[in-house]
Amino acid sequence: MPKVNWVEIPAENLDRARMFYSQLFGWKIEELPLARRRDYFLIKTGPDGTISGGLIRREHPQQTTVNYIDVTSTDKYTARVEHLGGKVLVPKTAVPGMGYFAVFEDTEDNAFGIWEDNINAN
């Protein structure tokens, strides 16, 4: 059964949000090394430094937290989302050397993402 594996939290003020979540939960929030975007930070929630999400710059007022769900095939699940009445917000996108993601809107106007591990993604 697919499980939630990642969360992205949008923020207008990244420094303020970093301080809030770090102080509230003790999370380590660090800039993504070698990132194309300078406004993306990794959220490490586990004592072993496990990365569980990202803190991103809010791009529009309606942008909300997005949970990502592990899947075996982005293509397969994209087809299923569309068949069930969902909408594609961000089509399949590669994260080189890591995998693919896509973001959708469900039938109730909620955004969610899917993630497919694939070291050959480019």
C-alpha atoms as a PDB file:
ATOM      1  CA  MET A   1       0.000   0.000   0.000  1.00  0.00           C
ATOM      2  CA  PRO A   2       1.461   3.437  -0.926  1.00  0.00           C
ATOM      3  CA  LYS A   3       2.417   5.633   2.038  1.00  0.00           C
ATOM      4  CA  VAL A   4       3.069   9.322   2.616  1.00  0.00           C
ATOM      5  CA  ASN A   5       6.818   9.881   2.427  1.00  0.00           C
ATOM      6  CA  TRP A   6       7.332  13.649   1.988  1.00  0.00           C
ATOM      7  CA  VAL A   7       5.681  16.924   2.887  1.00  0.00           C
ATOM      8  CA  GLU A   8       6.310  20.370   1.415  1.00  0.00           C
ATOM      9  CA  ILE A   9       5.438  23.368   3.553  1.00  0.00           C
ATOM     10  CA  PRO A  10       5.118  26.713   1.749  1.00  0.00           C
ATOM     11  CA  ALA A  11       6.142  29.927   3.513  1.00  0.00           C
ATOM     12  CA  GLU A  12       6.272  33.602   2.634  1.00  0.00           C
ATOM     13  CA  ASN A  13       9.130  34.198   5.086  1.00  0.00           C
ATOM     14  CA  LEU A  14      11.469  31.209   4.969  1.00  0.00           C
ATOM     15  CA  ASP A  15      13.636  32.364   7.873  1.00  0.00           C
ATOM     16  CA  ARG A  16      10.605  32.845  10.119  1.00  0.00           C
ATOM     17  CA  ALA A  17       9.201  29.431   9.129  1.00  0.00           C
ATOM     18  CA  ARG A  18      12.584  27.746   9.670  1.00  0.00           C
ATOM     19  CA  MET A  19      12.768  29.210  13.177  1.00  0.00           C
ATOM     20  CA  PHE A  20       9.156  28.262  13.959  1.00  0.00           C
ATOM     21  CA  TYR A  21       9.423  24.572  12.969  1.00  0.00           C
ATOM     22  CA  SER A  22      12.947  24.188  14.360  1.00  0.00           C
ATOM     23  CA  GLN A  23      11.911  25.533  17.743  1.00  0.00           C
ATOM     24  CA  LEU A  24       8.522  23.808  17.799  1.00  0.00           C
ATOM     25  CA  PHE A  25       9.589  20.278  16.835  1.00  0.00           C
ATOM     26  CA  GLY A  26      13.393  20.368  16.985  1.00  0.00           C
ATOM     27  CA  TRP A  27      13.619  19.761  13.229  1.00  0.00           C
ATOM     28  CA  LYS A  28      16.848  20.570  11.420  1.00  0.00           C
ATOM     29  CA  ILE A  29      16.061  22.659   8.355  1.00  0.00           C
ATOM     30  CA  GLU A  30      18.966  23.167   5.980  1.00  0.00           C
ATOM     31  CA  GLU A  31      19.387  24.659   2.521  1.00  0.00           C
ATOM     32  CA  LEU A  32      19.343  22.030  -0.205  1.00  0.00           C
ATOM     33  CA  PRO A  33      22.969  21.629  -1.350  1.00  0.00           C
ATOM     34  CA  LEU A  34      23.624  22.351  -5.019  1.00  0.00           C
ATOM     35  CA  ALA A  35      19.969  23.245  -5.557  1.00  0.00           C
ATOM     36  CA  ARG A  36      18.783  24.989  -8.689  1.00  0.00           C
ATOM     37  CA  ARG A  37      16.393  26.859  -6.400  1.00  0.00           C
ATOM     38  CA  ARG A  38      17.820  28.909  -3.566  1.00  0.00           C
ATOM     39  CA  ASP A  39      14.466  28.925  -1.816  1.00  0.00           C
ATOM     40  CA  TYR A  40      14.185  25.222  -0.990  1.00  0.00           C
ATOM     41  CA  PHE A  41      15.240  23.824   2.372  1.00  0.00           C
ATOM     42  CA  LEU A  42      15.330  20.198   3.515  1.00  0.00           C
ATOM     43  CA  ILE A  43      13.433  19.304   6.665  1.00  0.00           C
ATOM     44  CA  LYS A  44      15.165  16.629   8.731  1.00  0.00           C
ATOM     45  CA  THR A  45      12.797  15.183  11.318  1.00  0.00           C
ATOM     46  CA  GLY A  46      14.523  12.024  12.488  1.00  0.00           C
ATOM     47  CA  PRO A  47      17.306  11.713  15.075  1.00  0.00           C
ATOM     48  CA  ASP A  48      19.399  10.013  12.398  1.00  0.00           C
ATOM     49  CA  GLY A  49      19.027  12.993  10.037  1.00  0.00           C
ATOM     50  CA  THR A  50      16.216  11.416   8.039  1.00  0.00           C
ATOM     51  CA  ILE A  51      14.940  13.871   5.443  1.00  0.00           C
ATOM     52  CA  SER A  52      11.149  14.052   5.526  1.00  0.00           C
ATOM     53  CA  GLY A  53      10.221  17.127   3.561  1.00  0.00           C
ATOM     54  CA  GLY A  54      10.924  20.545   2.201  1.00  0.00           C
ATOM     55  CA  LEU A  55      10.281  24.126   3.159  1.00  0.00           C
ATOM     56  CA  ILE A  56       9.572  26.168   0.012  1.00  0.00           C
ATOM     57  CA  ARG A  57       8.851  29.767  -0.887  1.00  0.00           C
ATOM     58  CA  ARG A  58       5.098  30.315  -1.286  1.00  0.00           C
ATOM     59  CA  GLU A  59       4.427  31.134  -4.944  1.00  0.00           C
ATOM     60  CA  HIS A  60       0.747  32.132  -4.660  1.00  0.00           C
ATOM     61  CA  PRO A  61      -1.652  32.873  -1.784  1.00  0.00           C
ATOM     62  CA  GLN A  62      -3.658  29.649  -2.203  1.00  0.00           C
ATOM     63  CA  GLN A  63      -0.589  27.392  -2.040  1.00  0.00           C
ATOM     64  CA  THR A  64      -0.904  24.896   0.808  1.00  0.00           C
ATOM     65  CA  THR A  65       1.066  22.054   2.332  1.00  0.00           C
ATOM     66  CA  VAL A  66       1.453  19.141  -0.102  1.00  0.00           C
ATOM     67  CA  ASN A  67       1.917  15.535   1.001  1.00  0.00           C
ATOM     68  CA  TYR A  68       3.750  13.189  -1.371  1.00  0.00           C
ATOM     69  CA  ILE A  69       2.882   9.507  -1.580  1.00  0.00           C
ATOM     70  CA  ASP A  70       5.316   6.778  -2.666  1.00  0.00           C
ATOM     71  CA  VAL A  71       4.213   4.962  -5.833  1.00  0.00           C
ATOM     72  CA  THR A  72       5.781   2.384  -8.125  1.00  0.00           C
ATOM     73  CA  SER A  73       4.984   4.286 -11.335  1.00  0.00           C
ATOM     74  CA  THR A  74       4.220   7.980 -11.795  1.00  0.00           C
ATOM     75  CA  ASP A  75       2.756   7.253 -15.227  1.00  0.00           C
ATOM     76  CA  LYS A  76       0.404   4.553 -13.917  1.00  0.00           C
ATOM     77  CA  TYR A  77      -0.865   6.700 -11.046  1.00  0.00           C
ATOM     78  CA  THR A  78      -1.248   9.789 -13.241  1.00  0.00           C
ATOM     79  CA  ALA A  79      -3.573   7.787 -15.483  1.00  0.00           C
ATOM     80  CA  ARG A  80      -5.511   6.555 -12.444  1.00  0.00           C
ATOM     81  CA  VAL A  81      -5.886  10.086 -11.034  1.00  0.00           C
ATOM     82  CA  GLU A  82      -7.271  11.365 -14.328  1.00  0.00           C
ATOM     83  CA  HIS A  83      -9.585   8.361 -14.688  1.00  0.00           C
ATOM     84  CA  LEU A  84     -10.997   9.012 -11.218  1.00  0.00           C
ATOM     85  CA  GLY A  85     -11.671  12.695 -11.930  1.00  0.00           C
ATOM     86  CA  GLY A  86      -8.535  14.327 -10.529  1.00  0.00           C
ATOM     87  CA  LYS A  87      -6.507  17.016 -12.309  1.00  0.00           C
ATOM     88  CA  VAL A  88      -2.810  17.228 -13.095  1.00  0.00           C
ATOM     89  CA  LEU A  89      -1.313  20.391 -11.568  1.00  0.00           C
ATOM     90  CA  VAL A  90       2.363  19.568 -12.179  1.00  0.00           C
ATOM     91  CA  PRO A  91       3.093  16.824 -14.714  1.00  0.00           C
ATOM     92  CA  LYS A  92       5.712  14.123 -14.197  1.00  0.00           C
ATOM     93  CA  THR A  93       8.969  15.894 -13.405  1.00  0.00           C
ATOM     94  CA  ALA A  94      12.427  14.400 -12.975  1.00  0.00           C
ATOM     95  CA  VAL A  95      14.670  15.031 -10.005  1.00  0.00           C
ATOM     96  CA  PRO A  96      17.934  13.857 -11.623  1.00  0.00           C
ATOM     97  CA  GLY A  97      19.438  10.790 -10.015  1.00  0.00           C
ATOM     98  CA  MET A  98      16.591  10.483  -7.499  1.00  0.00           C
ATOM     99  CA  GLY A  99      13.196   9.951  -9.119  1.00  0.00           C
ATOM    100  CA  TYR A 100      10.039  11.529 -10.503  1.00  0.00           C
ATOM    101  CA  PHE A 101       7.189  13.482  -8.965  1.00  0.00           C
ATOM    102  CA  ALA A 102       3.855  14.862 -10.088  1.00  0.00           C
ATOM    103  CA  VAL A 103       1.261  16.986  -8.291  1.00  0.00           C
ATOM    104  CA  PHE A 104      -2.499  16.631  -8.620  1.00  0.00           C
ATOM    105  CA  GLU A 105      -5.778  18.033  -7.407  1.00  0.00           C
ATOM    106  CA  ASP A 106      -8.278  15.518  -6.095  1.00  0.00           C
ATOM    107  CA  THR A 107     -12.046  15.660  -6.607  1.00  0.00           C
ATOM    108  CA  GLU A 108     -12.358  17.890  -3.513  1.00  0.00           C
ATOM    109  CA  ASP A 109      -9.808  20.509  -4.698  1.00  0.00           C
ATOM    110  CA  ASN A 110      -7.000  19.242  -2.435  1.00  0.00           C
ATOM    111  CA  ALA A 111      -3.471  19.137  -3.799  1.00  0.00           C
ATOM    112  CA  PHE A 112      -1.302  16.045  -3.310  1.00  0.00           C
ATOM    113  CA  GLY A 113       1.814  14.662  -4.920  1.00  0.00           C
ATOM    114  CA  ILE A 114       3.254  11.306  -5.850  1.00  0.00           C
ATOM    115  CA  TRP A 115       6.884  10.196  -5.848  1.00  0.00           C
ATOM    116  CA  GLU A 116       8.573   7.382  -7.759  1.00  0.00           C
ATOM    117  CA  ASP A 117      12.125   6.411  -6.747  1.00  0.00           C
ATOM    118  CA  ASN A 118      14.292   6.030  -9.852  1.00  0.00           C
ATOM    119  CA  ILE A 119      18.048   6.669  -9.801  1.00  0.00           C
ATOM    120  CA  ASN A 120      17.994   6.871 -13.631  1.00  0.00           C
ATOM    121  CA  ALA A 121      15.689   9.906 -13.653  1.00  0.00           C
ATOM    122  CA  ASN A 122      17.004  12.820 -15.695  1.00  0.00           C
END
